[in-house]
Amino acid sequence: MTTTKLTVVPDSKPVVPDSHVTIIRVDSTKHYPEYVCDYLRRGFGAFQIQRLYTLSTVLIEIQPSDVDKIVFPKVPPVKQQIEESRKLRAKESEMEELIKKHKKGYKNRLIIFIR
């Protein structure tokens, strides 16, 4: 089983999704697409996706009719959504770097320990 993968694709970029992809379009005058994506990846939206997905193959699939069942909270103004999304993504990048450094250091120490 794979994990849920979410991404934002600009309207200007042509995309041909396969049958295992559910497209969610947002009104960018009211919602910053990355903020919505973050909510679905990390926020309460992630729990809702876990509740709604089906495993018709080894891929997680959310039926288009189930997208309407996802509850979105009242969101802040778009400017604040942008700030919050950028902060979250910066912290995630920072944590990923720390994890990489830790794994590399652990691997090196493990090799020394085994010798």
PDB file of N, CA and C in Angstrom:
ATOM      1  N   MET A   1       0.840  -1.179   0.000  1.00  0.00           N
ATOM      2  CA  MET A   1       0.000   0.000   0.000  1.00  0.00           C
ATOM      3  C   MET A   1       0.881   1.238   0.000  1.00  0.00           C
ATOM      4  N   THR A   2       0.572   2.221  -0.831  1.00  0.00           N
ATOM      5  CA  THR A   2       1.319   3.465  -0.863  1.00  0.00           C
ATOM      6  C   THR A   2       0.622   4.481   0.022  1.00  0.00           C
ATOM      7  N   THR A   3       1.344   5.524   0.376  1.00  0.00           N
ATOM      8  CA  THR A   3       0.736   6.581   1.167  1.00  0.00           C
ATOM      9  C   THR A   3       0.054   7.569   0.236  1.00  0.00           C
ATOM     10  N   THR A   4      -0.798   8.390   0.812  1.00  0.00           N
ATOM     11  CA  THR A   4      -1.480   9.404   0.036  1.00  0.00           C
ATOM     12  C   THR A   4      -0.467  10.426  -0.447  1.00  0.00           C
ATOM     13  N   LYS A   5      -0.507  10.730  -1.706  1.00  0.00           N
ATOM     14  CA  LYS A   5       0.389  11.716  -2.277  1.00  0.00           C
ATOM     15  C   LYS A   5      -0.468  12.847  -2.835  1.00  0.00           C
ATOM     16  N   LEU A   6      -0.095  14.048  -2.465  1.00  0.00           N
ATOM     17  CA  LEU A   6      -0.832  15.217  -2.915  1.00  0.00           C
ATOM     18  C   LEU A   6       0.154  16.223  -3.491  1.00  0.00           C
ATOM     19  N   THR A   7      -0.259  16.920  -4.513  1.00  0.00           N
ATOM     20  CA  THR A   7       0.571  17.955  -5.090  1.00  0.00           C
ATOM     21  C   THR A   7      -0.316  19.031  -5.692  1.00  0.00           C
ATOM     22  N   VAL A   8       0.271  20.185  -5.907  1.00  0.00           N
ATOM     23  CA  VAL A   8      -0.430  21.286  -6.547  1.00  0.00           C
ATOM     24  C   VAL A   8       0.160  21.438  -7.941  1.00  0.00           C
ATOM     25  N   VAL A   9      -0.716  21.452  -8.931  1.00  0.00           N
ATOM     26  CA  VAL A   9      -0.287  21.628 -10.317  1.00  0.00           C
ATOM     27  C   VAL A   9      -0.927  22.911 -10.838  1.00  0.00           C
ATOM     28  N   PRO A  10      -0.111  23.847 -11.317  1.00  0.00           N
ATOM     29  CA  PRO A  10      -0.683  25.101 -11.838  1.00  0.00           C
ATOM     30  C   PRO A  10      -1.572  24.847 -13.054  1.00  0.00           C
ATOM     31  N   ASP A  11      -2.575  25.692 -13.223  1.00  0.00           N
ATOM     32  CA  ASP A  11      -3.471  25.562 -14.380  1.00  0.00           C
ATOM     33  C   ASP A  11      -2.709  25.662 -15.691  1.00  0.00           C
ATOM     34  N   SER A  12      -1.603  26.394 -15.689  1.00  0.00           N
ATOM     35  CA  SER A  12      -0.833  26.603 -16.908  1.00  0.00           C
ATOM     36  C   SER A  12      -0.061  25.357 -17.348  1.00  0.00           C
ATOM     37  N   LYS A  13       0.042  24.363 -16.453  1.00  0.00           N
ATOM     38  CA  LYS A  13       0.786  23.146 -16.774  1.00  0.00           C
ATOM     39  C   LYS A  13      -0.189  22.057 -17.210  1.00  0.00           C
ATOM     40  N   PRO A  14      -0.074  21.590 -18.457  1.00  0.00           N
ATOM     41  CA  PRO A  14      -0.990  20.537 -18.904  1.00  0.00           C
ATOM     42  C   PRO A  14      -0.695  19.218 -18.188  1.00  0.00           C
ATOM     43  N   VAL A  15      -1.750  18.576 -17.744  1.00  0.00           N
ATOM     44  CA  VAL A  15      -1.618  17.321 -17.013  1.00  0.00           C
ATOM     45  C   VAL A  15      -2.646  16.329 -17.547  1.00  0.00           C
ATOM     46  N   VAL A  16      -2.225  15.083 -17.676  1.00  0.00           N
ATOM     47  CA  VAL A  16      -3.144  14.015 -18.060  1.00  0.00           C
ATOM     48  C   VAL A  16      -3.085  12.977 -16.940  1.00  0.00           C
ATOM     49  N   PRO A  17      -3.991  13.088 -15.972  1.00  0.00           N
ATOM     50  CA  PRO A  17      -3.972  12.136 -14.849  1.00  0.00           C
ATOM     51  C   PRO A  17      -4.499  10.771 -15.262  1.00  0.00           C
ATOM     52  N   ASP A  18      -3.994   9.739 -14.589  1.00  0.00           N
ATOM     53  CA  ASP A  18      -4.530   8.413 -14.877  1.00  0.00           C
ATOM     54  C   ASP A  18      -5.768   8.170 -14.015  1.00  0.00           C
ATOM     55  N   SER A  19      -6.316   6.998 -14.102  1.00  0.00           N
ATOM     56  CA  SER A  19      -7.573   6.707 -13.410  1.00  0.00           C
ATOM     57  C   SER A  19      -7.427   6.600 -11.899  1.00  0.00           C
ATOM     58  N   HIS A  20      -6.209   6.594 -11.374  1.00  0.00           N
ATOM     59  CA  HIS A  20      -5.988   6.503  -9.929  1.00  0.00           C
ATOM     60  C   HIS A  20      -5.805   7.876  -9.286  1.00  0.00           C
ATOM     61  N   VAL A  21      -6.060   8.933 -10.039  1.00  0.00           N
ATOM     62  CA  VAL A  21      -5.848  10.289  -9.552  1.00  0.00           C
ATOM     63  C   VAL A  21      -7.187  10.999  -9.425  1.00  0.00           C
ATOM     64  N   THR A  22      -7.411  11.615  -8.285  1.00  0.00           N
ATOM     65  CA  THR A  22      -8.596  12.432  -8.088  1.00  0.00           C
ATOM     66  C   THR A  22      -8.161  13.886  -8.103  1.00  0.00           C
ATOM     67  N   ILE A  23      -8.787  14.682  -8.924  1.00  0.00           N
ATOM     68  CA  ILE A  23      -8.440  16.097  -9.047  1.00  0.00           C
ATOM     69  C   ILE A  23      -9.371  16.914  -8.165  1.00  0.00           C
ATOM     70  N   ILE A  24      -8.776  17.804  -7.383  1.00  0.00           N
ATOM     71  CA  ILE A  24      -9.547  18.737  -6.561  1.00  0.00           C
ATOM     72  C   ILE A  24      -9.190  20.141  -7.043  1.00  0.00           C
ATOM     73  N   ARG A  25     -10.153  20.852  -7.542  1.00  0.00           N
ATOM     74  CA  ARG A  25      -9.911  22.215  -8.019  1.00  0.00           C
ATOM     75  C   ARG A  25     -10.360  23.192  -6.934  1.00  0.00           C
ATOM     76  N   VAL A  26      -9.552  24.195  -6.699  1.00  0.00           N
ATOM     77  CA  VAL A  26      -9.906  25.193  -5.695  1.00  0.00           C
ATOM     78  C   VAL A  26     -10.007  26.569  -6.341  1.00  0.00           C
ATOM     79  N   ASP A  27     -10.819  27.403  -5.738  1.00  0.00           N
ATOM     80  CA  ASP A  27     -10.945  28.795  -6.170  1.00  0.00           C
ATOM     81  C   ASP A  27      -9.776  29.549  -5.536  1.00  0.00           C
ATOM     82  N   SER A  28      -8.780  29.884  -6.334  1.00  0.00           N
ATOM     83  CA  SER A  28      -7.561  30.502  -5.790  1.00  0.00           C
ATOM     84  C   SER A  28      -7.775  31.931  -5.298  1.00  0.00           C
ATOM     85  N   THR A  29      -8.945  32.509  -5.535  1.00  0.00           N
ATOM     86  CA  THR A  29      -9.224  33.819  -4.946  1.00  0.00           C
ATOM     87  C   THR A  29      -9.640  33.678  -3.485  1.00  0.00           C
ATOM     88  N   LYS A  30     -10.046  32.456  -3.092  1.00  0.00           N
ATOM     89  CA  LYS A  30     -10.479  32.207  -1.713  1.00  0.00           C
ATOM     90  C   LYS A  30      -9.544  31.256  -0.964  1.00  0.00           C
ATOM     91  N   HIS A  31      -8.862  30.395  -1.718  1.00  0.00           N
ATOM     92  CA  HIS A  31      -8.012  29.374  -1.101  1.00  0.00           C
ATOM     93  C   HIS A  31      -6.664  29.314  -1.797  1.00  0.00           C
ATOM     94  N   TYR A  32      -5.605  29.351  -1.031  1.00  0.00           N
ATOM     95  CA  TYR A  32      -4.261  29.152  -1.566  1.00  0.00           C
ATOM     96  C   TYR A  32      -4.112  27.644  -1.775  1.00  0.00           C
ATOM     97  N   PRO A  33      -3.908  27.194  -3.019  1.00  0.00           N
ATOM     98  CA  PRO A  33      -3.888  25.749  -3.285  1.00  0.00           C
ATOM     99  C   PRO A  33      -2.922  24.964  -2.400  1.00  0.00           C
ATOM    100  N   GLU A  34      -1.745  25.516  -2.121  1.00  0.00           N
ATOM    101  CA  GLU A  34      -0.785  24.823  -1.265  1.00  0.00           C
ATOM    102  C   GLU A  34      -1.302  24.691   0.167  1.00  0.00           C
ATOM    103  N   TYR A  35      -2.076  25.649   0.626  1.00  0.00           N
ATOM    104  CA  TYR A  35      -2.666  25.597   1.968  1.00  0.00           C
ATOM    105  C   TYR A  35      -3.670  24.436   2.044  1.00  0.00           C
ATOM    106  N   VAL A  36      -4.499  24.314   1.008  1.00  0.00           N
ATOM    107  CA  VAL A  36      -5.461  23.211   0.956  1.00  0.00           C
ATOM    108  C   VAL A  36      -4.718  21.879   0.902  1.00  0.00           C
ATOM    109  N   CYS A  37      -3.670  21.837   0.096  1.00  0.00           N
ATOM    110  CA  CYS A  37      -2.854  20.620  -0.011  1.00  0.00           C
ATOM    111  C   CYS A  37      -2.240  20.271   1.349  1.00  0.00           C
ATOM    112  N   ASP A  38      -1.718  21.282   2.046  1.00  0.00           N
ATOM    113  CA  ASP A  38      -1.128  21.052   3.371  1.00  0.00           C
ATOM    114  C   ASP A  38      -2.166  20.524   4.352  1.00  0.00           C
ATOM    115  N   TYR A  39      -3.354  21.071   4.298  1.00  0.00           N
ATOM    116  CA  TYR A  39      -4.437  20.622   5.181  1.00  0.00           C
ATOM    117  C   TYR A  39      -4.746  19.147   4.929  1.00  0.00           C
ATOM    118  N   LEU A  40      -4.753  18.760   3.666  1.00  0.00           N
ATOM    119  CA  LEU A  40      -5.067  17.377   3.319  1.00  0.00           C
ATOM    120  C   LEU A  40      -3.893  16.433   3.600  1.00  0.00           C
ATOM    121  N   ARG A  41      -2.675  16.956   3.606  1.00  0.00           N
ATOM    122  CA  ARG A  41      -1.493  16.129   3.891  1.00  0.00           C
ATOM    123  C   ARG A  41      -1.241  15.983   5.380  1.00  0.00           C
ATOM    124  N   ARG A  42      -1.402  17.081   6.126  1.00  0.00           N
ATOM    125  CA  ARG A  42      -0.955  17.122   7.513  1.00  0.00           C
ATOM    126  C   ARG A  42      -2.036  17.464   8.529  1.00  0.00           C
ATOM    127  N   GLY A  43      -3.044  18.133   8.102  1.00  0.00           N
ATOM    128  CA  GLY A  43      -4.063  18.576   9.046  1.00  0.00           C
ATOM    129  C   GLY A  43      -5.157  17.555   9.255  1.00  0.00           C
ATOM    130  N   PHE A  44      -6.274  18.030   9.748  1.00  0.00           N
ATOM    131  CA  PHE A  44      -7.422  17.162   9.973  1.00  0.00           C
ATOM    132  C   PHE A  44      -7.877  16.508   8.668  1.00  0.00           C
ATOM    133  N   GLY A  45      -7.596  17.162   7.566  1.00  0.00           N
ATOM    134  CA  GLY A  45      -7.946  16.601   6.265  1.00  0.00           C
ATOM    135  C   GLY A  45      -7.285  15.257   6.019  1.00  0.00           C
ATOM    136  N   ALA A  46      -6.062  15.062   6.540  1.00  0.00           N
ATOM    137  CA  ALA A  46      -5.355  13.782   6.370  1.00  0.00           C
ATOM    138  C   ALA A  46      -6.130  12.651   7.040  1.00  0.00           C
ATOM    139  N   PHE A  47      -6.696  12.929   8.218  1.00  0.00           N
ATOM    140  CA  PHE A  47      -7.493  11.910   8.904  1.00  0.00           C
ATOM    141  C   PHE A  47      -8.760  11.584   8.109  1.00  0.00           C
ATOM    142  N   GLN A  48      -9.331  12.604   7.502  1.00  0.00           N
ATOM    143  CA  GLN A  48     -10.536  12.377   6.700  1.00  0.00           C
ATOM    144  C   GLN A  48     -10.225  11.536   5.471  1.00  0.00           C
ATOM    145  N   ILE A  49      -9.085  11.792   4.847  1.00  0.00           N
ATOM    146  CA  ILE A  49      -8.690  11.001   3.680  1.00  0.00           C
ATOM    147  C   ILE A  49      -8.498   9.543   4.076  1.00  0.00           C
ATOM    148  N   GLN A  50      -7.862   9.316   5.221  1.00  0.00           N
ATOM    149  CA  GLN A  50      -7.678   7.941   5.696  1.00  0.00           C
ATOM    150  C   GLN A  50      -9.029   7.239   5.881  1.00  0.00           C
ATOM    151  N   ARG A  51     -10.006   7.981   6.313  1.00  0.00           N
ATOM    152  CA  ARG A  51     -11.337   7.420   6.536  1.00  0.00           C
ATOM    153  C   ARG A  51     -12.054   7.120   5.223  1.00  0.00           C
ATOM    154  N   LEU A  52     -11.767   7.907   4.190  1.00  0.00           N
ATOM    155  CA  LEU A  52     -12.522   7.814   2.942  1.00  0.00           C
ATOM    156  C   LEU A  52     -11.901   6.937   1.866  1.00  0.00           C
ATOM    157  N   TYR A  53     -10.602   6.679   1.953  1.00  0.00           N
ATOM    158  CA  TYR A  53      -9.973   6.000   0.818  1.00  0.00           C
ATOM    159  C   TYR A  53     -10.391   4.546   0.695  1.00  0.00           C
ATOM    160  N   THR A  54     -10.254   4.062  -0.534  1.00  0.00           N
ATOM    161  CA  THR A  54     -10.502   2.652  -0.821  1.00  0.00           C
ATOM    162  C   THR A  54      -9.224   2.063  -1.384  1.00  0.00           C
ATOM    163  N   LEU A  55      -9.092   0.768  -1.286  1.00  0.00           N
ATOM    164  CA  LEU A  55      -7.935   0.071  -1.832  1.00  0.00           C
ATOM    165  C   LEU A  55      -8.407  -0.884  -2.919  1.00  0.00           C
ATOM    166  N   SER A  56      -8.807  -0.316  -4.041  1.00  0.00           N
ATOM    167  CA  SER A  56      -9.259  -1.183  -5.123  1.00  0.00           C
ATOM    168  C   SER A  56      -8.063  -1.848  -5.804  1.00  0.00           C
ATOM    169  N   THR A  57      -6.902  -1.234  -5.674  1.00  0.00           N
ATOM    170  CA  THR A  57      -5.635  -1.828  -6.112  1.00  0.00           C
ATOM    171  C   THR A  57      -4.691  -1.630  -4.941  1.00  0.00           C
ATOM    172  N   VAL A  58      -3.406  -1.711  -5.163  1.00  0.00           N
ATOM    173  CA  VAL A  58      -2.471  -1.439  -4.076  1.00  0.00           C
ATOM    174  C   VAL A  58      -2.321   0.061  -3.847  1.00  0.00           C
ATOM    175  N   LEU A  59      -3.004   0.864  -4.661  1.00  0.00           N
ATOM    176  CA  LEU A  59      -2.952   2.314  -4.518  1.00  0.00           C
ATOM    177  C   LEU A  59      -4.126   2.811  -3.693  1.00  0.00           C
ATOM    178  N   ILE A  60      -3.873   3.861  -2.929  1.00  0.00           N
ATOM    179  CA  ILE A  60      -4.960   4.507  -2.200  1.00  0.00           C
ATOM    180  C   ILE A  60      -5.746   5.341  -3.204  1.00  0.00           C
ATOM    181  N   GLU A  61      -7.039   5.169  -3.200  1.00  0.00           N
ATOM    182  CA  GLU A  61      -7.879   5.914  -4.128  1.00  0.00           C
ATOM    183  C   GLU A  61      -9.004   6.598  -3.364  1.00  0.00           C
ATOM    184  N   ILE A  62      -9.258   7.827  -3.730  1.00  0.00           N
ATOM    185  CA  ILE A  62     -10.395   8.555  -3.178  1.00  0.00           C
ATOM    186  C   ILE A  62     -11.338   8.818  -4.340  1.00  0.00           C
ATOM    187  N   GLN A  63     -12.539   8.371  -4.186  1.00  0.00           N
ATOM    188  CA  GLN A  63     -13.529   8.536  -5.242  1.00  0.00           C
ATOM    189  C   GLN A  63     -13.946  10.006  -5.316  1.00  0.00           C
ATOM    190  N   PRO A  64     -14.184  10.502  -6.520  1.00  0.00           N
ATOM    191  CA  PRO A  64     -14.609  11.901  -6.652  1.00  0.00           C
ATOM    192  C   PRO A  64     -15.832  12.241  -5.798  1.00  0.00           C
ATOM    193  N   SER A  65     -16.741  11.312  -5.654  1.00  0.00           N
ATOM    194  CA  SER A  65     -17.940  11.579  -4.841  1.00  0.00           C
ATOM    195  C   SER A  65     -17.586  11.735  -3.359  1.00  0.00           C
ATOM    196  N   ASP A  66     -16.467  11.133  -2.929  1.00  0.00           N
ATOM    197  CA  ASP A  66     -16.049  11.246  -1.534  1.00  0.00           C
ATOM    198  C   ASP A  66     -15.373  12.575  -1.218  1.00  0.00           C
ATOM    199  N   VAL A  67     -14.876  13.250  -2.238  1.00  0.00           N
ATOM    200  CA  VAL A  67     -14.220  14.546  -2.017  1.00  0.00           C
ATOM    201  C   VAL A  67     -15.204  15.522  -1.369  1.00  0.00           C
ATOM    202  N   ASP A  68     -16.461  15.442  -1.770  1.00  0.00           N
ATOM    203  CA  ASP A  68     -17.479  16.331  -1.193  1.00  0.00           C
ATOM    204  C   ASP A  68     -17.713  16.068   0.291  1.00  0.00           C
ATOM    205  N   LYS A  69     -17.269  14.928   0.795  1.00  0.00           N
ATOM    206  CA  LYS A  69     -17.451  14.586   2.208  1.00  0.00           C
ATOM    207  C   LYS A  69     -16.330  15.135   3.090  1.00  0.00           C
ATOM    208  N   ILE A  70     -15.289  15.680   2.476  1.00  0.00           N
ATOM    209  CA  ILE A  70     -14.176  16.239   3.259  1.00  0.00           C
ATOM    210  C   ILE A  70     -14.615  17.577   3.828  1.00  0.00           C
ATOM    211  N   VAL A  71     -14.488  17.719   5.129  1.00  0.00           N
ATOM    212  CA  VAL A  71     -14.894  18.943   5.813  1.00  0.00           C
ATOM    213  C   VAL A  71     -13.701  19.881   5.882  1.00  0.00           C
ATOM    214  N   PHE A  72     -13.900  21.096   5.396  1.00  0.00           N
ATOM    215  CA  PHE A  72     -12.871  22.125   5.472  1.00  0.00           C
ATOM    216  C   PHE A  72     -13.289  23.166   6.494  1.00  0.00           C
ATOM    217  N   PRO A  73     -12.371  23.539   7.373  1.00  0.00           N
ATOM    218  CA  PRO A  73     -12.720  24.569   8.353  1.00  0.00           C
ATOM    219  C   PRO A  73     -12.778  25.936   7.688  1.00  0.00           C
ATOM    220  N   LYS A  74     -13.287  26.892   8.415  1.00  0.00           N
ATOM    221  CA  LYS A  74     -13.245  28.270   7.939  1.00  0.00           C
ATOM    222  C   LYS A  74     -11.759  28.633   7.829  1.00  0.00           C
ATOM    223  N   VAL A  75     -11.362  29.145   6.698  1.00  0.00           N
ATOM    224  CA  VAL A  75      -9.943  29.421   6.481  1.00  0.00           C
ATOM    225  C   VAL A  75      -9.652  30.912   6.626  1.00  0.00           C
ATOM    226  N   PRO A  76      -8.417  31.230   6.992  1.00  0.00           N
ATOM    227  CA  PRO A  76      -8.040  32.643   7.093  1.00  0.00           C
ATOM    228  C   PRO A  76      -7.944  33.271   5.703  1.00  0.00           C
ATOM    229  N   PRO A  77      -7.728  34.568   5.633  1.00  0.00           N
ATOM    230  CA  PRO A  77      -7.555  35.218   4.323  1.00  0.00           C
ATOM    231  C   PRO A  77      -6.389  34.595   3.550  1.00  0.00           C
ATOM    232  N   VAL A  78      -6.429  34.689   2.228  1.00  0.00           N
ATOM    233  CA  VAL A  78      -5.425  34.055   1.370  1.00  0.00           C
ATOM    234  C   VAL A  78      -4.006  34.465   1.766  1.00  0.00           C
ATOM    235  N   LYS A  79      -3.795  35.717   2.088  1.00  0.00           N
ATOM    236  CA  LYS A  79      -2.452  36.180   2.471  1.00  0.00           C
ATOM    237  C   LYS A  79      -1.930  35.384   3.675  1.00  0.00           C
ATOM    238  N   GLN A  80      -2.770  35.161   4.649  1.00  0.00           N
ATOM    239  CA  GLN A  80      -2.378  34.389   5.834  1.00  0.00           C
ATOM    240  C   GLN A  80      -2.193  32.908   5.478  1.00  0.00           C
ATOM    241  N   GLN A  81      -3.018  32.390   4.581  1.00  0.00           N
ATOM    242  CA  GLN A  81      -2.858  31.003   4.129  1.00  0.00           C
ATOM    243  C   GLN A  81      -1.474  30.815   3.498  1.00  0.00           C
ATOM    244  N   ILE A  82      -1.067  31.780   2.684  1.00  0.00           N
ATOM    245  CA  ILE A  82       0.243  31.708   2.028  1.00  0.00           C
ATOM    246  C   ILE A  82       1.352  31.678   3.070  1.00  0.00           C
ATOM    247  N   GLU A  83       1.268  32.574   4.055  1.00  0.00           N
ATOM    248  CA  GLU A  83       2.291  32.639   5.106  1.00  0.00           C
ATOM    249  C   GLU A  83       2.362  31.322   5.885  1.00  0.00           C
ATOM    250  N   GLU A  84       1.214  30.800   6.285  1.00  0.00           N
ATOM    251  CA  GLU A  84       1.186  29.566   7.074  1.00  0.00           C
ATOM    252  C   GLU A  84       1.711  28.379   6.266  1.00  0.00           C
ATOM    253  N   SER A  85       1.337  28.303   5.006  1.00  0.00           N
ATOM    254  CA  SER A  85       1.794  27.206   4.161  1.00  0.00           C
ATOM    255  C   SER A  85       3.310  27.272   3.964  1.00  0.00           C
ATOM    256  N   ARG A  86       3.818  28.448   3.720  1.00  0.00           N
ATOM    257  CA  ARG A  86       5.271  28.598   3.521  1.00  0.00           C
ATOM    258  C   ARG A  86       6.042  28.256   4.790  1.00  0.00           C
ATOM    259  N   LYS A  87       5.521  28.658   5.944  1.00  0.00           N
ATOM    260  CA  LYS A  87       6.177  28.322   7.220  1.00  0.00           C
ATOM    261  C   LYS A  87       6.206  26.813   7.430  1.00  0.00           C
ATOM    262  N   LEU A  88       5.071  26.160   7.189  1.00  0.00           N
ATOM    263  CA  LEU A  88       4.992  24.704   7.355  1.00  0.00           C
ATOM    264  C   LEU A  88       5.981  24.007   6.433  1.00  0.00           C
ATOM    265  N   ARG A  89       6.008  24.402   5.176  1.00  0.00           N
ATOM    266  CA  ARG A  89       6.890  23.752   4.207  1.00  0.00           C
ATOM    267  C   ARG A  89       8.364  24.020   4.519  1.00  0.00           C
ATOM    268  N   ALA A  90       8.673  25.199   5.038  1.00  0.00           N
ATOM    269  CA  ALA A  90      10.056  25.487   5.430  1.00  0.00           C
ATOM    270  C   ALA A  90      10.463  24.595   6.603  1.00  0.00           C
ATOM    271  N   LYS A  91       9.580  24.436   7.582  1.00  0.00           N
ATOM    272  CA  LYS A  91       9.864  23.557   8.731  1.00  0.00           C
ATOM    273  C   LYS A  91      10.009  22.109   8.288  1.00  0.00           C
ATOM    274  N   GLU A  92       9.158  21.674   7.368  1.00  0.00           N
ATOM    275  CA  GLU A  92       9.263  20.304   6.862  1.00  0.00           C
ATOM    276  C   GLU A  92      10.613  20.081   6.177  1.00  0.00           C
ATOM    277  N   SER A  93      11.044  21.048   5.377  1.00  0.00           N
ATOM    278  CA  SER A  93      12.348  20.933   4.707  1.00  0.00           C
ATOM    279  C   SER A  93      13.476  20.889   5.734  1.00  0.00           C
ATOM    280  N   GLU A  94      13.376  21.721   6.746  1.00  0.00           N
ATOM    281  CA  GLU A  94      14.375  21.750   7.817  1.00  0.00           C
ATOM    282  C   GLU A  94      14.436  20.396   8.531  1.00  0.00           C
ATOM    283  N   MET A  95      13.288  19.832   8.829  1.00  0.00           N
ATOM    284  CA  MET A  95      13.241  18.537   9.514  1.00  0.00           C
ATOM    285  C   MET A  95      13.779  17.418   8.618  1.00  0.00           C
ATOM    286  N   GLU A  96      13.469  17.465   7.332  1.00  0.00           N
ATOM    287  CA  GLU A  96      13.980  16.452   6.406  1.00  0.00           C
ATOM    288  C   GLU A  96      15.507  16.484   6.365  1.00  0.00           C
ATOM    289  N   GLU A  97      16.090  17.676   6.388  1.00  0.00           N
ATOM    290  CA  GLU A  97      17.544  17.806   6.394  1.00  0.00           C
ATOM    291  C   GLU A  97      18.134  17.237   7.681  1.00  0.00           C
ATOM    292  N   LEU A  98      17.502  17.516   8.807  1.00  0.00           N
ATOM    293  CA  LEU A  98      17.973  16.975  10.083  1.00  0.00           C
ATOM    294  C   LEU A  98      17.912  15.447  10.092  1.00  0.00           C
ATOM    295  N   ILE A  99      16.846  14.898   9.537  1.00  0.00           N
ATOM    296  CA  ILE A  99      16.700  13.437   9.475  1.00  0.00           C
ATOM    297  C   ILE A  99      17.795  12.840   8.593  1.00  0.00           C
ATOM    298  N   LYS A 100      18.055  13.469   7.446  1.00  0.00           N
ATOM    299  CA  LYS A 100      19.114  12.979   6.553  1.00  0.00           C
ATOM    300  C   LYS A 100      20.464  12.987   7.267  1.00  0.00           C
ATOM    301  N   LYS A 101      20.776  14.089   7.964  1.00  0.00           N
ATOM    302  CA  LYS A 101      22.043  14.186   8.681  1.00  0.00           C
ATOM    303  C   LYS A 101      22.128  13.127   9.773  1.00  0.00           C
ATOM    304  N   HIS A 102      21.041  12.923  10.481  1.00  0.00           N
ATOM    305  CA  HIS A 102      21.014  11.934  11.552  1.00  0.00           C
ATOM    306  C   HIS A 102      21.239  10.529  10.991  1.00  0.00           C
ATOM    307  N   LYS A 103      20.554  10.203   9.910  1.00  0.00           N
ATOM    308  CA  LYS A 103      20.704   8.878   9.312  1.00  0.00           C
ATOM    309  C   LYS A 103      22.117   8.664   8.815  1.00  0.00           C
ATOM    310  N   LYS A 104      22.700   9.693   8.210  1.00  0.00           N
ATOM    311  CA  LYS A 104      24.063   9.583   7.707  1.00  0.00           C
ATOM    312  C   LYS A 104      25.034   9.389   8.867  1.00  0.00           C
ATOM    313  N   GLY A 105      24.867  10.163   9.916  1.00  0.00           N
ATOM    314  CA  GLY A 105      25.731  10.036  11.092  1.00  0.00           C
ATOM    315  C   GLY A 105      25.571   8.694  11.760  1.00  0.00           C
ATOM    316  N   TYR A 106      24.350   8.219  11.846  1.00  0.00           N
ATOM    317  CA  TYR A 106      24.081   6.920  12.465  1.00  0.00           C
ATOM    318  C   TYR A 106      24.712   5.809  11.644  1.00  0.00           C
ATOM    319  N   LYS A 107      24.603   5.919  10.346  1.00  0.00           N
ATOM    320  CA  LYS A 107      25.175   4.903   9.465  1.00  0.00           C
ATOM    321  C   LYS A 107      26.696   4.859   9.647  1.00  0.00           C
ATOM    322  N   ASN A 108      27.334   6.011   9.698  1.00  0.00           N
ATOM    323  CA  ASN A 108      28.786   6.058   9.891  1.00  0.00           C
ATOM    324  C   ASN A 108      29.185   5.484  11.245  1.00  0.00           C
ATOM    325  N   ARG A 109      28.444   5.818  12.278  1.00  0.00           N
ATOM    326  CA  ARG A 109      28.759   5.289  13.604  1.00  0.00           C
ATOM    327  C   ARG A 109      28.538   3.784  13.654  1.00  0.00           C
ATOM    328  N   LEU A 110      27.522   3.323  12.965  1.00  0.00           N
ATOM    329  CA  LEU A 110      27.232   1.894  12.950  1.00  0.00           C
ATOM    330  C   LEU A 110      28.372   1.120  12.287  1.00  0.00           C
ATOM    331  N   ILE A 111      28.901   1.666  11.222  1.00  0.00           N
ATOM    332  CA  ILE A 111      30.017   1.013  10.552  1.00  0.00           C
ATOM    333  C   ILE A 111      31.226   0.960  11.470  1.00  0.00           C
ATOM    334  N   ILE A 112      31.517   2.025  12.168  1.00  0.00           N
ATOM    335  CA  ILE A 112      32.648   2.038  13.097  1.00  0.00           C
ATOM    336  C   ILE A 112      32.423   1.048  14.230  1.00  0.00           C
ATOM    337  N   PHE A 113      31.194   0.960  14.724  1.00  0.00           N
ATOM    338  CA  PHE A 113      30.878   0.058  15.825  1.00  0.00           C
ATOM    339  C   PHE A 113      31.074  -1.414  15.419  1.00  0.00           C
ATOM    340  N   ILE A 114      30.705  -1.751  14.203  1.00  0.00           N
ATOM    341  CA  ILE A 114      30.792  -3.132  13.742  1.00  0.00           C
ATOM    342  C   ILE A 114      32.243  -3.558  13.568  1.00  0.00           C
ATOM    343  N   ARG A 115      33.100  -2.701  13.176  1.00  0.00           N
ATOM    344  CA  ARG A 115      34.504  -3.045  12.971  1.00  0.00           C
ATOM    345  C   ARG A 115      35.059  -3.452  14.282  1.00  0.00           C
TER     346      ARG A 115
END
